[in-house]
Amino acid sequence: MEALLQAIYDGIIDGNKDQVTAKVQEALDNGLPPETILNQGMVAAMAEVGRLFEEGEYFVPEMLVAARAMQAGLALLKPKLVQADVKAAGKVVAGTVKGDLHDIGKNLVCMMLEGASFEIIDLGSDVSPERFVEAVQAYQADIVAMSALLTTTMPNMKVTIDALKAAGLRDKVKVMVGGAPVTPEFAREIGADGTAPDASQAVTLAKSLIGA
């Protein structure tokens, strides 16, 4: 069993999608609990990918292939986790703000958060404040994660936070913001709970915001 978990872990680190799916299936067939596969195989591997990224050994392409390998395994695991009633670390509504079509950074953050066992509601790009508010209400989200890559669309982060306030939801969710032009100062000015410079640190931030 240890060998199977190690193979899943290694497959994610190497970005080997086929190995991950094969070994996750094998682990399930051998009766390994889905939660064990998730935590010891996948979450542990994605944490290591994050560490390698921060050490400068991995870059965005390596991070992406690792995250895609993890997602392939997670697709097999999800139905089993639901059956086993395994609770997600938290629910995150994510999206790139209105007027902004850039989604690579946001997608990577979603993948990394999913790898840390958060449930992700990805609204895509060009997301209006109203849609963020609707999703928070519908899914009872713990965190709203907003991304912007253009300085011209950054103000829509504040508009969205104001919309959450107007809907009486601001106290119920944590708001994290990110994207190349976003600074900690800007995050504070608009009333967000935090920002992260990259996908790896976004996971650390999300965990700290919900006290995980």
N, C-alpha and C. Protein backbone atom coordinates (compact mmCIF):
# COMPACT_ATOMS: atom_id res chain seq x y z
N MET A 1 0.83 -1.21 0.00
CA MET A 1 0.00 0.00 0.00
C MET A 1 0.87 1.26 0.00
N GLU A 2 1.92 1.21 0.81
CA GLU A 2 2.85 2.34 0.86
C GLU A 2 3.42 2.62 -0.52
N ALA A 3 3.73 1.53 -1.24
CA ALA A 3 4.32 1.67 -2.58
C ALA A 3 3.35 2.36 -3.53
N LEU A 4 2.06 2.05 -3.39
CA LEU A 4 1.04 2.68 -4.24
C LEU A 4 0.94 4.17 -3.96
N LEU A 5 0.91 4.51 -2.68
CA LEU A 5 0.84 5.93 -2.30
C LEU A 5 2.07 6.69 -2.78
N GLN A 6 3.21 6.02 -2.67
CA GLN A 6 4.47 6.63 -3.13
C GLN A 6 4.43 6.86 -4.64
N ALA A 7 3.86 5.89 -5.37
CA ALA A 7 3.77 5.99 -6.84
C ALA A 7 2.85 7.14 -7.25
N ILE A 8 1.76 7.34 -6.48
CA ILE A 8 0.84 8.45 -6.75
C ILE A 8 1.56 9.78 -6.49
N TYR A 9 2.24 9.82 -5.36
CA TYR A 9 3.01 11.01 -4.96
C TYR A 9 4.05 11.35 -6.03
N ASP A 10 4.83 10.33 -6.42
CA ASP A 10 5.88 10.55 -7.43
C ASP A 10 5.30 10.97 -8.78
N GLY A 11 4.17 10.36 -9.13
CA GLY A 11 3.52 10.68 -10.40
C GLY A 11 3.11 12.14 -10.48
N ILE A 12 2.61 12.66 -9.36
CA ILE A 12 2.22 14.08 -9.32
C ILE A 12 3.45 14.97 -9.41
N ILE A 13 4.47 14.65 -8.63
CA ILE A 13 5.70 15.44 -8.64
C ILE A 13 6.28 15.50 -10.07
N ASP A 14 6.21 14.36 -10.77
CA ASP A 14 6.77 14.28 -12.13
C ASP A 14 5.79 14.76 -13.21
N GLY A 15 4.55 15.04 -12.79
CA GLY A 15 3.54 15.45 -13.77
C GLY A 15 3.13 14.33 -14.71
N ASN A 16 3.17 13.08 -14.20
CA ASN A 16 2.83 11.91 -15.02
C ASN A 16 1.36 11.53 -14.77
N LYS A 17 0.51 12.07 -15.63
CA LYS A 17 -0.94 11.90 -15.49
C LYS A 17 -1.36 10.43 -15.53
N ASP A 18 -0.80 9.69 -16.49
CA ASP A 18 -1.18 8.28 -16.67
C ASP A 18 -0.82 7.44 -15.44
N GLN A 19 0.37 7.70 -14.91
CA GLN A 19 0.79 6.97 -13.71
C GLN A 19 -0.15 7.26 -12.54
N VAL A 20 -0.51 8.53 -12.40
CA VAL A 20 -1.37 8.92 -11.27
C VAL A 20 -2.74 8.24 -11.38
N THR A 21 -3.35 8.32 -12.56
CA THR A 21 -4.69 7.71 -12.70
C THR A 21 -4.63 6.19 -12.49
N ALA A 22 -3.61 5.55 -13.06
CA ALA A 22 -3.48 4.09 -12.93
C ALA A 22 -3.31 3.69 -11.45
N LYS A 23 -2.46 4.42 -10.75
CA LYS A 23 -2.16 4.05 -9.36
C LYS A 23 -3.30 4.42 -8.40
N VAL A 24 -4.02 5.51 -8.71
CA VAL A 24 -5.19 5.86 -7.88
C VAL A 24 -6.24 4.76 -8.04
N GLN A 25 -6.47 4.33 -9.27
CA GLN A 25 -7.44 3.25 -9.53
C GLN A 25 -7.03 1.97 -8.80
N GLU A 26 -5.73 1.66 -8.90
CA GLU A 26 -5.21 0.45 -8.24
C GLU A 26 -5.38 0.54 -6.72
N ALA A 27 -5.11 1.72 -6.18
CA ALA A 27 -5.26 1.93 -4.73
C ALA A 27 -6.71 1.75 -4.30
N LEU A 28 -7.63 2.29 -5.11
CA LEU A 28 -9.07 2.14 -4.81
C LEU A 28 -9.47 0.67 -4.90
N ASP A 29 -8.99 -0.01 -5.95
CA ASP A 29 -9.31 -1.44 -6.14
C ASP A 29 -8.80 -2.29 -4.98
N ASN A 30 -7.70 -1.83 -4.38
CA ASN A 30 -7.11 -2.56 -3.26
C ASN A 30 -7.72 -2.16 -1.91
N GLY A 31 -8.76 -1.34 -1.99
CA GLY A 31 -9.49 -0.99 -0.77
C GLY A 31 -8.86 0.09 0.10
N LEU A 32 -7.95 0.85 -0.49
CA LEU A 32 -7.35 1.95 0.28
C LEU A 32 -8.39 3.05 0.48
N PRO A 33 -8.56 3.58 1.69
CA PRO A 33 -9.56 4.63 1.90
C PRO A 33 -9.26 5.86 1.02
N PRO A 34 -10.30 6.42 0.38
CA PRO A 34 -10.08 7.58 -0.49
C PRO A 34 -9.40 8.75 0.22
N GLU A 35 -9.72 8.90 1.51
CA GLU A 35 -9.14 10.00 2.28
C GLU A 35 -7.62 9.83 2.43
N THR A 36 -7.20 8.56 2.60
CA THR A 36 -5.76 8.27 2.71
C THR A 36 -5.05 8.58 1.40
N ILE A 37 -5.68 8.17 0.29
CA ILE A 37 -5.10 8.43 -1.03
C ILE A 37 -4.98 9.93 -1.25
N LEU A 38 -6.05 10.66 -0.87
CA LEU A 38 -6.06 12.11 -1.04
C LEU A 38 -4.95 12.77 -0.22
N ASN A 39 -4.95 12.47 1.08
CA ASN A 39 -4.03 13.19 1.98
C ASN A 39 -2.58 12.76 1.85
N GLN A 40 -2.35 11.45 1.83
CA GLN A 40 -0.96 10.97 1.81
C GLN A 40 -0.36 10.94 0.41
N GLY A 41 -1.23 10.75 -0.60
CA GLY A 41 -0.72 10.73 -1.96
C GLY A 41 -0.73 12.10 -2.61
N MET A 42 -1.91 12.72 -2.65
CA MET A 42 -2.08 13.93 -3.46
C MET A 42 -1.75 15.24 -2.74
N VAL A 43 -2.37 15.44 -1.58
CA VAL A 43 -2.17 16.70 -0.86
C VAL A 43 -0.69 16.84 -0.49
N ALA A 44 -0.09 15.73 -0.06
CA ALA A 44 1.34 15.74 0.30
C ALA A 44 2.20 16.10 -0.92
N ALA A 45 1.84 15.53 -2.07
CA ALA A 45 2.62 15.80 -3.29
C ALA A 45 2.48 17.25 -3.73
N MET A 46 1.26 17.80 -3.66
CA MET A 46 1.05 19.19 -4.07
C MET A 46 1.74 20.15 -3.11
N ALA A 47 1.83 19.77 -1.84
CA ALA A 47 2.56 20.59 -0.87
C ALA A 47 4.05 20.62 -1.25
N GLU A 48 4.55 19.47 -1.68
CA GLU A 48 5.96 19.40 -2.10
C GLU A 48 6.18 20.19 -3.40
N VAL A 49 5.22 20.13 -4.32
CA VAL A 49 5.30 20.93 -5.56
C VAL A 49 5.37 22.41 -5.20
N GLY A 50 4.55 22.82 -4.25
CA GLY A 50 4.56 24.21 -3.79
C GLY A 50 5.90 24.60 -3.21
N ARG A 51 6.49 23.67 -2.43
CA ARG A 51 7.80 23.95 -1.83
C ARG A 51 8.87 24.08 -2.92
N LEU A 52 8.85 23.18 -3.89
CA LEU A 52 9.83 23.22 -4.99
C LEU A 52 9.71 24.52 -5.78
N PHE A 53 8.46 24.97 -5.94
CA PHE A 53 8.21 26.22 -6.65
C PHE A 53 8.81 27.39 -5.88
N GLU A 54 8.58 27.40 -4.58
CA GLU A 54 9.09 28.50 -3.76
C GLU A 54 10.62 28.49 -3.65
N GLU A 55 11.20 27.29 -3.75
CA GLU A 55 12.67 27.18 -3.70
C GLU A 55 13.30 27.55 -5.05
N GLY A 56 12.43 27.75 -6.06
CA GLY A 56 12.96 28.10 -7.38
C GLY A 56 13.42 26.90 -8.20
N GLU A 57 13.04 25.69 -7.74
CA GLU A 57 13.40 24.48 -8.49
C GLU A 57 12.33 24.15 -9.54
N TYR A 58 11.11 24.54 -9.24
CA TYR A 58 10.00 24.36 -10.19
C TYR A 58 9.54 25.74 -10.65
N PHE A 59 9.04 25.79 -11.88
CA PHE A 59 8.47 27.03 -12.41
C PHE A 59 7.02 26.76 -12.79
N VAL A 60 6.34 27.77 -13.33
CA VAL A 60 4.90 27.62 -13.62
C VAL A 60 4.60 26.39 -14.50
N PRO A 61 5.37 26.11 -15.57
CA PRO A 61 5.05 24.93 -16.39
C PRO A 61 5.07 23.62 -15.60
N GLU A 62 6.10 23.44 -14.74
CA GLU A 62 6.18 22.21 -13.93
C GLU A 62 5.01 22.13 -12.95
N MET A 63 4.67 23.30 -12.42
CA MET A 63 3.56 23.36 -11.47
C MET A 63 2.24 22.98 -12.15
N LEU A 64 2.07 23.47 -13.38
CA LEU A 64 0.85 23.18 -14.14
C LEU A 64 0.71 21.70 -14.44
N VAL A 65 1.80 21.05 -14.92
CA VAL A 65 1.69 19.62 -15.27
C VAL A 65 1.47 18.78 -14.01
N ALA A 66 2.08 19.19 -12.90
CA ALA A 66 1.85 18.48 -11.64
C ALA A 66 0.38 18.62 -11.22
N ALA A 67 -0.13 19.85 -11.33
CA ALA A 67 -1.53 20.10 -10.94
C ALA A 67 -2.50 19.35 -11.84
N ARG A 68 -2.16 19.23 -13.13
CA ARG A 68 -3.04 18.50 -14.05
C ARG A 68 -3.03 17.00 -13.74
N ALA A 69 -1.85 16.49 -13.39
CA ALA A 69 -1.75 15.08 -13.00
C ALA A 69 -2.58 14.82 -11.74
N MET A 70 -2.48 15.76 -10.79
CA MET A 70 -3.26 15.65 -9.56
C MET A 70 -4.76 15.67 -9.86
N GLN A 71 -5.17 16.57 -10.77
CA GLN A 71 -6.60 16.67 -11.10
C GLN A 71 -7.13 15.41 -11.76
N ALA A 72 -6.29 14.78 -12.58
CA ALA A 72 -6.69 13.53 -13.24
C ALA A 72 -6.99 12.45 -12.19
N GLY A 73 -6.12 12.38 -11.18
CA GLY A 73 -6.34 11.42 -10.10
C GLY A 73 -7.54 11.79 -9.26
N LEU A 74 -7.73 13.07 -9.04
CA LEU A 74 -8.83 13.57 -8.22
C LEU A 74 -10.18 13.27 -8.87
N ALA A 75 -10.21 13.28 -10.20
CA ALA A 75 -11.46 12.98 -10.92
C ALA A 75 -11.95 11.57 -10.56
N LEU A 76 -11.02 10.63 -10.40
CA LEU A 76 -11.39 9.27 -10.00
C LEU A 76 -11.79 9.21 -8.53
N LEU A 77 -11.16 10.05 -7.75
CA LEU A 77 -11.32 10.00 -6.30
C LEU A 77 -12.58 10.71 -5.81
N LYS A 78 -12.98 11.77 -6.52
CA LYS A 78 -14.08 12.62 -6.04
C LYS A 78 -15.36 11.87 -5.68
N PRO A 79 -15.86 11.00 -6.59
CA PRO A 79 -17.10 10.28 -6.24
C PRO A 79 -16.95 9.45 -4.96
N LYS A 80 -15.77 8.88 -4.77
CA LYS A 80 -15.51 8.05 -3.57
C LYS A 80 -15.44 8.91 -2.32
N LEU A 81 -14.86 10.11 -2.46
CA LEU A 81 -14.78 11.03 -1.32
C LEU A 81 -16.17 11.47 -0.89
N VAL A 82 -17.04 11.68 -1.89
CA VAL A 82 -18.42 12.09 -1.61
C VAL A 82 -19.14 10.95 -0.87
N GLN A 83 -18.98 9.72 -1.39
CA GLN A 83 -19.59 8.56 -0.75
C GLN A 83 -19.11 8.40 0.69
N ALA A 84 -17.81 8.62 0.87
CA ALA A 84 -17.22 8.46 2.21
C ALA A 84 -17.50 9.68 3.09
N ASP A 85 -18.19 10.68 2.51
CA ASP A 85 -18.55 11.90 3.23
C ASP A 85 -17.32 12.63 3.78
N VAL A 86 -16.28 12.66 2.98
CA VAL A 86 -15.06 13.37 3.39
C VAL A 86 -15.27 14.87 3.16
N LYS A 87 -15.14 15.62 4.21
CA LYS A 87 -15.38 17.07 4.11
C LYS A 87 -14.19 17.79 3.46
N ALA A 88 -14.53 18.74 2.61
CA ALA A 88 -13.48 19.58 2.00
C ALA A 88 -12.92 20.51 3.07
N ALA A 89 -11.71 21.01 2.82
CA ALA A 89 -11.09 21.94 3.77
C ALA A 89 -11.92 23.22 3.88
N GLY A 90 -12.58 23.57 2.77
CA GLY A 90 -13.41 24.77 2.73
C GLY A 90 -13.89 24.96 1.31
N LYS A 91 -14.88 25.82 1.12
CA LYS A 91 -15.41 26.10 -0.23
C LYS A 91 -14.90 27.44 -0.72
N VAL A 92 -14.38 27.43 -1.94
CA VAL A 92 -13.82 28.66 -2.52
C VAL A 92 -14.54 29.00 -3.82
N VAL A 93 -15.11 30.20 -3.87
CA VAL A 93 -15.66 30.72 -5.13
C VAL A 93 -14.55 31.55 -5.77
N ALA A 94 -14.15 31.14 -6.98
CA ALA A 94 -13.02 31.81 -7.64
C ALA A 94 -13.41 32.36 -8.99
N GLY A 95 -12.76 33.45 -9.38
CA GLY A 95 -13.02 34.00 -10.70
C GLY A 95 -12.11 35.19 -11.00
N THR A 96 -11.94 35.45 -12.29
CA THR A 96 -11.25 36.67 -12.73
C THR A 96 -12.32 37.75 -12.85
N VAL A 97 -12.02 38.95 -12.38
CA VAL A 97 -13.05 39.98 -12.27
C VAL A 97 -13.56 40.49 -13.62
N LYS A 98 -14.67 41.18 -13.55
CA LYS A 98 -15.34 41.71 -14.74
C LYS A 98 -14.38 42.52 -15.61
N GLY A 99 -14.43 42.27 -16.91
CA GLY A 99 -13.60 43.01 -17.86
C GLY A 99 -12.25 42.37 -18.12
N ASP A 100 -11.93 41.33 -17.33
CA ASP A 100 -10.61 40.69 -17.44
C ASP A 100 -10.77 39.25 -17.90
N LEU A 101 -10.10 38.91 -18.99
CA LEU A 101 -10.25 37.57 -19.56
C LEU A 101 -9.06 36.64 -19.26
N HIS A 102 -8.11 37.13 -18.47
CA HIS A 102 -6.93 36.32 -18.16
C HIS A 102 -7.29 35.26 -17.11
N ASP A 103 -7.02 34.01 -17.41
CA ASP A 103 -7.40 33.00 -16.41
C ASP A 103 -6.33 31.96 -16.09
N ILE A 104 -5.13 32.09 -16.67
CA ILE A 104 -4.11 31.07 -16.39
C ILE A 104 -3.72 31.06 -14.91
N GLY A 105 -3.46 32.25 -14.36
CA GLY A 105 -3.09 32.35 -12.95
C GLY A 105 -4.21 31.85 -12.05
N LYS A 106 -5.43 32.27 -12.37
CA LYS A 106 -6.60 31.85 -11.58
C LYS A 106 -6.77 30.33 -11.67
N ASN A 107 -6.59 29.76 -12.85
CA ASN A 107 -6.73 28.31 -13.01
C ASN A 107 -5.71 27.56 -12.17
N LEU A 108 -4.50 28.09 -12.15
CA LEU A 108 -3.43 27.44 -11.38
C LEU A 108 -3.73 27.50 -9.89
N VAL A 109 -4.22 28.65 -9.44
CA VAL A 109 -4.60 28.79 -8.02
C VAL A 109 -5.71 27.78 -7.69
N CYS A 110 -6.71 27.66 -8.58
CA CYS A 110 -7.80 26.70 -8.36
C CYS A 110 -7.27 25.28 -8.25
N MET A 111 -6.36 24.93 -9.16
CA MET A 111 -5.78 23.58 -9.14
C MET A 111 -5.01 23.31 -7.85
N MET A 112 -4.21 24.30 -7.44
CA MET A 112 -3.42 24.13 -6.22
C MET A 112 -4.32 24.04 -4.98
N LEU A 113 -5.39 24.84 -4.97
CA LEU A 113 -6.33 24.78 -3.84
C LEU A 113 -7.05 23.43 -3.82
N GLU A 114 -7.39 22.95 -5.01
CA GLU A 114 -8.05 21.65 -5.10
C GLU A 114 -7.10 20.56 -4.59
N GLY A 115 -5.83 20.73 -4.90
CA GLY A 115 -4.81 19.79 -4.43
C GLY A 115 -4.65 19.83 -2.92
N ALA A 116 -5.08 20.93 -2.30
CA ALA A 116 -5.03 21.04 -0.84
C ALA A 116 -6.39 20.71 -0.22
N SER A 117 -7.21 20.02 -1.01
CA SER A 117 -8.54 19.50 -0.64
C SER A 117 -9.60 20.57 -0.34
N PHE A 118 -9.49 21.73 -1.01
CA PHE A 118 -10.58 22.71 -0.99
C PHE A 118 -11.57 22.35 -2.09
N GLU A 119 -12.84 22.67 -1.87
CA GLU A 119 -13.84 22.51 -2.93
C GLU A 119 -13.88 23.82 -3.72
N ILE A 120 -13.74 23.72 -5.03
CA ILE A 120 -13.63 24.92 -5.86
C ILE A 120 -14.89 25.13 -6.71
N ILE A 121 -15.43 26.33 -6.65
CA ILE A 121 -16.49 26.74 -7.57
C ILE A 121 -15.85 27.80 -8.47
N ASP A 122 -15.45 27.37 -9.66
CA ASP A 122 -14.72 28.26 -10.58
C ASP A 122 -15.70 28.95 -11.52
N LEU A 123 -15.83 30.26 -11.37
CA LEU A 123 -16.78 31.02 -12.19
C LEU A 123 -16.19 31.47 -13.52
N GLY A 124 -14.89 31.17 -13.72
CA GLY A 124 -14.26 31.54 -14.99
C GLY A 124 -13.72 32.96 -14.97
N SER A 125 -13.74 33.60 -16.15
CA SER A 125 -13.22 34.96 -16.24
C SER A 125 -14.35 35.94 -16.58
N ASP A 126 -14.04 37.24 -16.48
CA ASP A 126 -15.03 38.29 -16.77
C ASP A 126 -16.28 38.12 -15.88
N VAL A 127 -16.03 37.92 -14.58
CA VAL A 127 -17.13 37.62 -13.65
C VAL A 127 -17.63 38.91 -12.98
N SER A 128 -18.92 39.14 -13.11
CA SER A 128 -19.51 40.36 -12.55
C SER A 128 -19.63 40.23 -11.02
N PRO A 129 -19.66 41.38 -10.33
CA PRO A 129 -19.85 41.35 -8.87
C PRO A 129 -21.11 40.56 -8.48
N GLU A 130 -22.18 40.71 -9.29
CA GLU A 130 -23.44 40.02 -9.00
C GLU A 130 -23.26 38.50 -9.00
N ARG A 131 -22.46 38.01 -9.97
CA ARG A 131 -22.25 36.56 -10.04
C ARG A 131 -21.46 36.04 -8.85
N PHE A 132 -20.47 36.82 -8.41
CA PHE A 132 -19.73 36.43 -7.21
C PHE A 132 -20.70 36.33 -6.02
N VAL A 133 -21.55 37.34 -5.88
CA VAL A 133 -22.51 37.38 -4.76
C VAL A 133 -23.46 36.18 -4.83
N GLU A 134 -24.00 35.92 -6.03
CA GLU A 134 -24.92 34.78 -6.21
C GLU A 134 -24.26 33.46 -5.83
N ALA A 135 -23.01 33.29 -6.26
CA ALA A 135 -22.30 32.03 -6.00
C ALA A 135 -22.01 31.85 -4.51
N VAL A 136 -21.65 32.95 -3.84
CA VAL A 136 -21.39 32.88 -2.39
C VAL A 136 -22.66 32.44 -1.67
N GLN A 137 -23.79 33.00 -2.09
CA GLN A 137 -25.07 32.64 -1.47
C GLN A 137 -25.44 31.19 -1.77
N ALA A 138 -25.33 30.82 -3.04
CA ALA A 138 -25.75 29.49 -3.48
C ALA A 138 -24.92 28.37 -2.86
N TYR A 139 -23.62 28.60 -2.76
CA TYR A 139 -22.73 27.53 -2.28
C TYR A 139 -22.28 27.69 -0.84
N GLN A 140 -22.72 28.79 -0.21
CA GLN A 140 -22.29 29.09 1.17
C GLN A 140 -20.77 28.97 1.29
N ALA A 141 -20.12 29.74 0.44
CA ALA A 141 -18.66 29.68 0.34
C ALA A 141 -17.98 30.24 1.60
N ASP A 142 -16.77 29.74 1.84
CA ASP A 142 -15.96 30.24 2.94
C ASP A 142 -15.02 31.35 2.47
N ILE A 143 -14.62 31.24 1.20
CA ILE A 143 -13.63 32.17 0.64
C ILE A 143 -14.05 32.61 -0.76
N VAL A 144 -13.83 33.88 -1.06
CA VAL A 144 -13.94 34.38 -2.43
C VAL A 144 -12.52 34.70 -2.90
N ALA A 145 -12.12 34.11 -4.02
CA ALA A 145 -10.78 34.35 -4.56
C ALA A 145 -10.92 35.07 -5.90
N MET A 146 -10.45 36.32 -5.93
CA MET A 146 -10.57 37.13 -7.15
C MET A 146 -9.21 37.39 -7.77
N SER A 147 -9.18 37.36 -9.10
CA SER A 147 -7.93 37.61 -9.82
C SER A 147 -8.13 38.74 -10.82
N ALA A 148 -7.07 39.52 -11.03
CA ALA A 148 -7.07 40.56 -12.08
C ALA A 148 -5.65 40.68 -12.61
N LEU A 149 -5.52 40.76 -13.93
CA LEU A 149 -4.19 40.91 -14.50
C LEU A 149 -3.98 42.30 -15.10
N LEU A 150 -5.07 43.04 -15.20
CA LEU A 150 -4.99 44.38 -15.79
C LEU A 150 -5.23 45.43 -14.71
N THR A 151 -4.43 46.49 -14.74
CA THR A 151 -4.64 47.56 -13.75
C THR A 151 -6.02 48.19 -13.94
N THR A 152 -6.54 48.16 -15.18
CA THR A 152 -7.85 48.77 -15.45
C THR A 152 -9.00 47.96 -14.86
N THR A 153 -8.79 46.66 -14.60
CA THR A 153 -9.88 45.85 -14.04
C THR A 153 -9.76 45.68 -12.52
N MET A 154 -8.61 46.08 -11.97
CA MET A 154 -8.42 45.94 -10.52
C MET A 154 -9.53 46.62 -9.69
N PRO A 155 -10.02 47.80 -10.09
CA PRO A 155 -11.09 48.43 -9.28
C PRO A 155 -12.33 47.55 -9.13
N ASN A 156 -12.54 46.61 -10.06
CA ASN A 156 -13.71 45.73 -9.96
C ASN A 156 -13.62 44.78 -8.77
N MET A 157 -12.41 44.64 -8.22
CA MET A 157 -12.27 43.84 -6.99
C MET A 157 -12.98 44.56 -5.85
N LYS A 158 -12.77 45.89 -5.78
CA LYS A 158 -13.42 46.67 -4.72
C LYS A 158 -14.94 46.69 -4.93
N VAL A 159 -15.35 46.82 -6.20
CA VAL A 159 -16.79 46.83 -6.52
C VAL A 159 -17.43 45.52 -6.03
N THR A 160 -16.71 44.41 -6.22
CA THR A 160 -17.22 43.10 -5.78
C THR A 160 -17.30 43.02 -4.26
N ILE A 161 -16.27 43.51 -3.59
CA ILE A 161 -16.28 43.51 -2.11
C ILE A 161 -17.44 44.38 -1.60
N ASP A 162 -17.67 45.52 -2.25
CA ASP A 162 -18.80 46.39 -1.87
C ASP A 162 -20.14 45.68 -2.10
N ALA A 163 -20.21 44.89 -3.19
CA ALA A 163 -21.43 44.15 -3.49
C ALA A 163 -21.68 43.07 -2.42
N LEU A 164 -20.61 42.45 -1.95
CA LEU A 164 -20.74 41.45 -0.87
C LEU A 164 -21.24 42.12 0.41
N LYS A 165 -20.73 43.34 0.66
CA LYS A 165 -21.18 44.10 1.84
C LYS A 165 -22.67 44.42 1.73
N ALA A 166 -23.04 44.93 0.54
CA ALA A 166 -24.44 45.33 0.32
C ALA A 166 -25.39 44.15 0.48
N ALA A 167 -24.90 42.95 0.13
CA ALA A 167 -25.74 41.75 0.24
C ALA A 167 -25.70 41.13 1.64
N GLY A 168 -24.95 41.79 2.54
CA GLY A 168 -24.85 41.29 3.91
C GLY A 168 -24.00 40.03 4.04
N LEU A 169 -23.09 39.83 3.08
CA LEU A 169 -22.30 38.59 3.07
C LEU A 169 -20.84 38.79 3.45
N ARG A 170 -20.41 40.05 3.52
CA ARG A 170 -18.97 40.30 3.68
C ARG A 170 -18.42 39.66 4.96
N ASP A 171 -19.23 39.66 6.04
CA ASP A 171 -18.76 39.09 7.31
C ASP A 171 -18.72 37.56 7.28
N LYS A 172 -19.40 36.98 6.29
CA LYS A 172 -19.50 35.52 6.24
C LYS A 172 -18.40 34.87 5.41
N VAL A 173 -17.70 35.66 4.59
CA VAL A 173 -16.64 35.09 3.74
C VAL A 173 -15.33 35.84 3.89
N LYS A 174 -14.26 35.12 3.63
CA LYS A 174 -12.94 35.74 3.55
C LYS A 174 -12.69 36.06 2.07
N VAL A 175 -12.03 37.18 1.81
CA VAL A 175 -11.76 37.58 0.42
C VAL A 175 -10.26 37.61 0.18
N MET A 176 -9.81 36.83 -0.81
CA MET A 176 -8.40 36.91 -1.19
C MET A 176 -8.30 37.35 -2.64
N VAL A 177 -7.31 38.19 -2.91
CA VAL A 177 -7.15 38.75 -4.25
C VAL A 177 -5.74 38.46 -4.77
N GLY A 178 -5.61 38.41 -6.09
CA GLY A 178 -4.29 38.15 -6.66
C GLY A 178 -4.22 38.56 -8.11
N GLY A 179 -3.03 38.40 -8.68
CA GLY A 179 -2.78 38.83 -10.05
C GLY A 179 -1.54 39.71 -10.06
N ALA A 180 -0.89 39.76 -11.21
CA ALA A 180 0.40 40.47 -11.30
C ALA A 180 0.41 41.88 -10.71
N PRO A 181 -0.59 42.73 -11.00
CA PRO A 181 -0.50 44.12 -10.50
C PRO A 181 -0.97 44.29 -9.05
N VAL A 182 -1.47 43.23 -8.43
CA VAL A 182 -2.06 43.36 -7.10
C VAL A 182 -0.97 43.35 -6.02
N THR A 183 -1.00 44.36 -5.17
CA THR A 183 -0.02 44.47 -4.07
C THR A 183 -0.72 44.29 -2.73
N PRO A 184 0.04 43.98 -1.66
CA PRO A 184 -0.56 43.91 -0.33
C PRO A 184 -1.25 45.22 0.07
N GLU A 185 -0.64 46.35 -0.34
CA GLU A 185 -1.22 47.66 -0.02
C GLU A 185 -2.60 47.81 -0.66
N PHE A 186 -2.66 47.42 -1.96
CA PHE A 186 -3.94 47.51 -2.68
C PHE A 186 -4.98 46.62 -2.01
N ALA A 187 -4.58 45.39 -1.64
CA ALA A 187 -5.51 44.45 -0.99
C ALA A 187 -6.07 45.07 0.29
N ARG A 188 -5.20 45.72 1.06
CA ARG A 188 -5.65 46.36 2.31
C ARG A 188 -6.61 47.51 2.02
N GLU A 189 -6.24 48.34 1.03
CA GLU A 189 -7.06 49.52 0.68
C GLU A 189 -8.49 49.14 0.31
N ILE A 190 -8.64 48.04 -0.44
CA ILE A 190 -9.99 47.67 -0.90
C ILE A 190 -10.74 46.82 0.11
N GLY A 191 -10.06 46.48 1.22
CA GLY A 191 -10.73 45.73 2.28
C GLY A 191 -10.72 44.22 2.09
N ALA A 192 -9.76 43.71 1.31
CA ALA A 192 -9.63 42.26 1.17
C ALA A 192 -8.94 41.70 2.41
N ASP A 193 -9.04 40.39 2.61
CA ASP A 193 -8.42 39.76 3.78
C ASP A 193 -6.97 39.36 3.53
N GLY A 194 -6.56 39.38 2.26
CA GLY A 194 -5.18 39.03 1.98
C GLY A 194 -4.93 38.85 0.51
N THR A 195 -3.64 38.79 0.14
CA THR A 195 -3.25 38.53 -1.24
C THR A 195 -2.04 37.61 -1.22
N ALA A 196 -1.83 36.92 -2.33
CA ALA A 196 -0.67 36.03 -2.44
C ALA A 196 -0.02 36.27 -3.80
N PRO A 197 1.32 36.25 -3.83
CA PRO A 197 2.03 36.54 -5.08
C PRO A 197 2.02 35.38 -6.09
N ASP A 198 1.69 34.16 -5.61
CA ASP A 198 1.67 33.03 -6.53
C ASP A 198 0.72 31.95 -6.00
N ALA A 199 0.51 30.93 -6.83
CA ALA A 199 -0.47 29.89 -6.50
C ALA A 199 -0.11 29.10 -5.25
N SER A 200 1.17 28.88 -5.06
CA SER A 200 1.62 28.11 -3.89
C SER A 200 1.29 28.86 -2.61
N GLN A 201 1.60 30.16 -2.60
CA GLN A 201 1.32 30.95 -1.39
C GLN A 201 -0.17 31.24 -1.22
N ALA A 202 -0.93 31.14 -2.32
CA ALA A 202 -2.38 31.30 -2.23
C ALA A 202 -2.97 30.18 -1.36
N VAL A 203 -2.41 28.98 -1.46
CA VAL A 203 -2.87 27.85 -0.65
C VAL A 203 -2.59 28.13 0.82
N THR A 204 -1.39 28.60 1.12
CA THR A 204 -1.02 28.93 2.50
C THR A 204 -1.96 30.00 3.06
N LEU A 205 -2.26 31.01 2.23
CA LEU A 205 -3.16 32.09 2.63
C LEU A 205 -4.56 31.55 2.90
N ALA A 206 -5.08 30.75 1.97
CA ALA A 206 -6.43 30.21 2.13
C ALA A 206 -6.56 29.40 3.43
N LYS A 207 -5.54 28.59 3.70
CA LYS A 207 -5.57 27.79 4.93
C LYS A 207 -5.56 28.68 6.17
N SER A 208 -4.74 29.74 6.12
CA SER A 208 -4.68 30.62 7.29
C SER A 208 -5.98 31.40 7.47
N LEU A 209 -6.65 31.75 6.36
CA LEU A 209 -7.90 32.52 6.46
C LEU A 209 -9.03 31.72 7.11
N ILE A 210 -9.03 30.39 6.88
CA ILE A 210 -10.10 29.60 7.49
C ILE A 210 -9.61 28.88 8.74
N GLY A 211 -8.38 29.21 9.14
CA GLY A 211 -7.83 28.63 10.36
C GLY A 211 -7.56 27.14 10.27
N ALA A 212 -7.22 26.68 9.04
CA ALA A 212 -6.94 25.24 8.86
C ALA A 212 -5.49 24.96 9.23
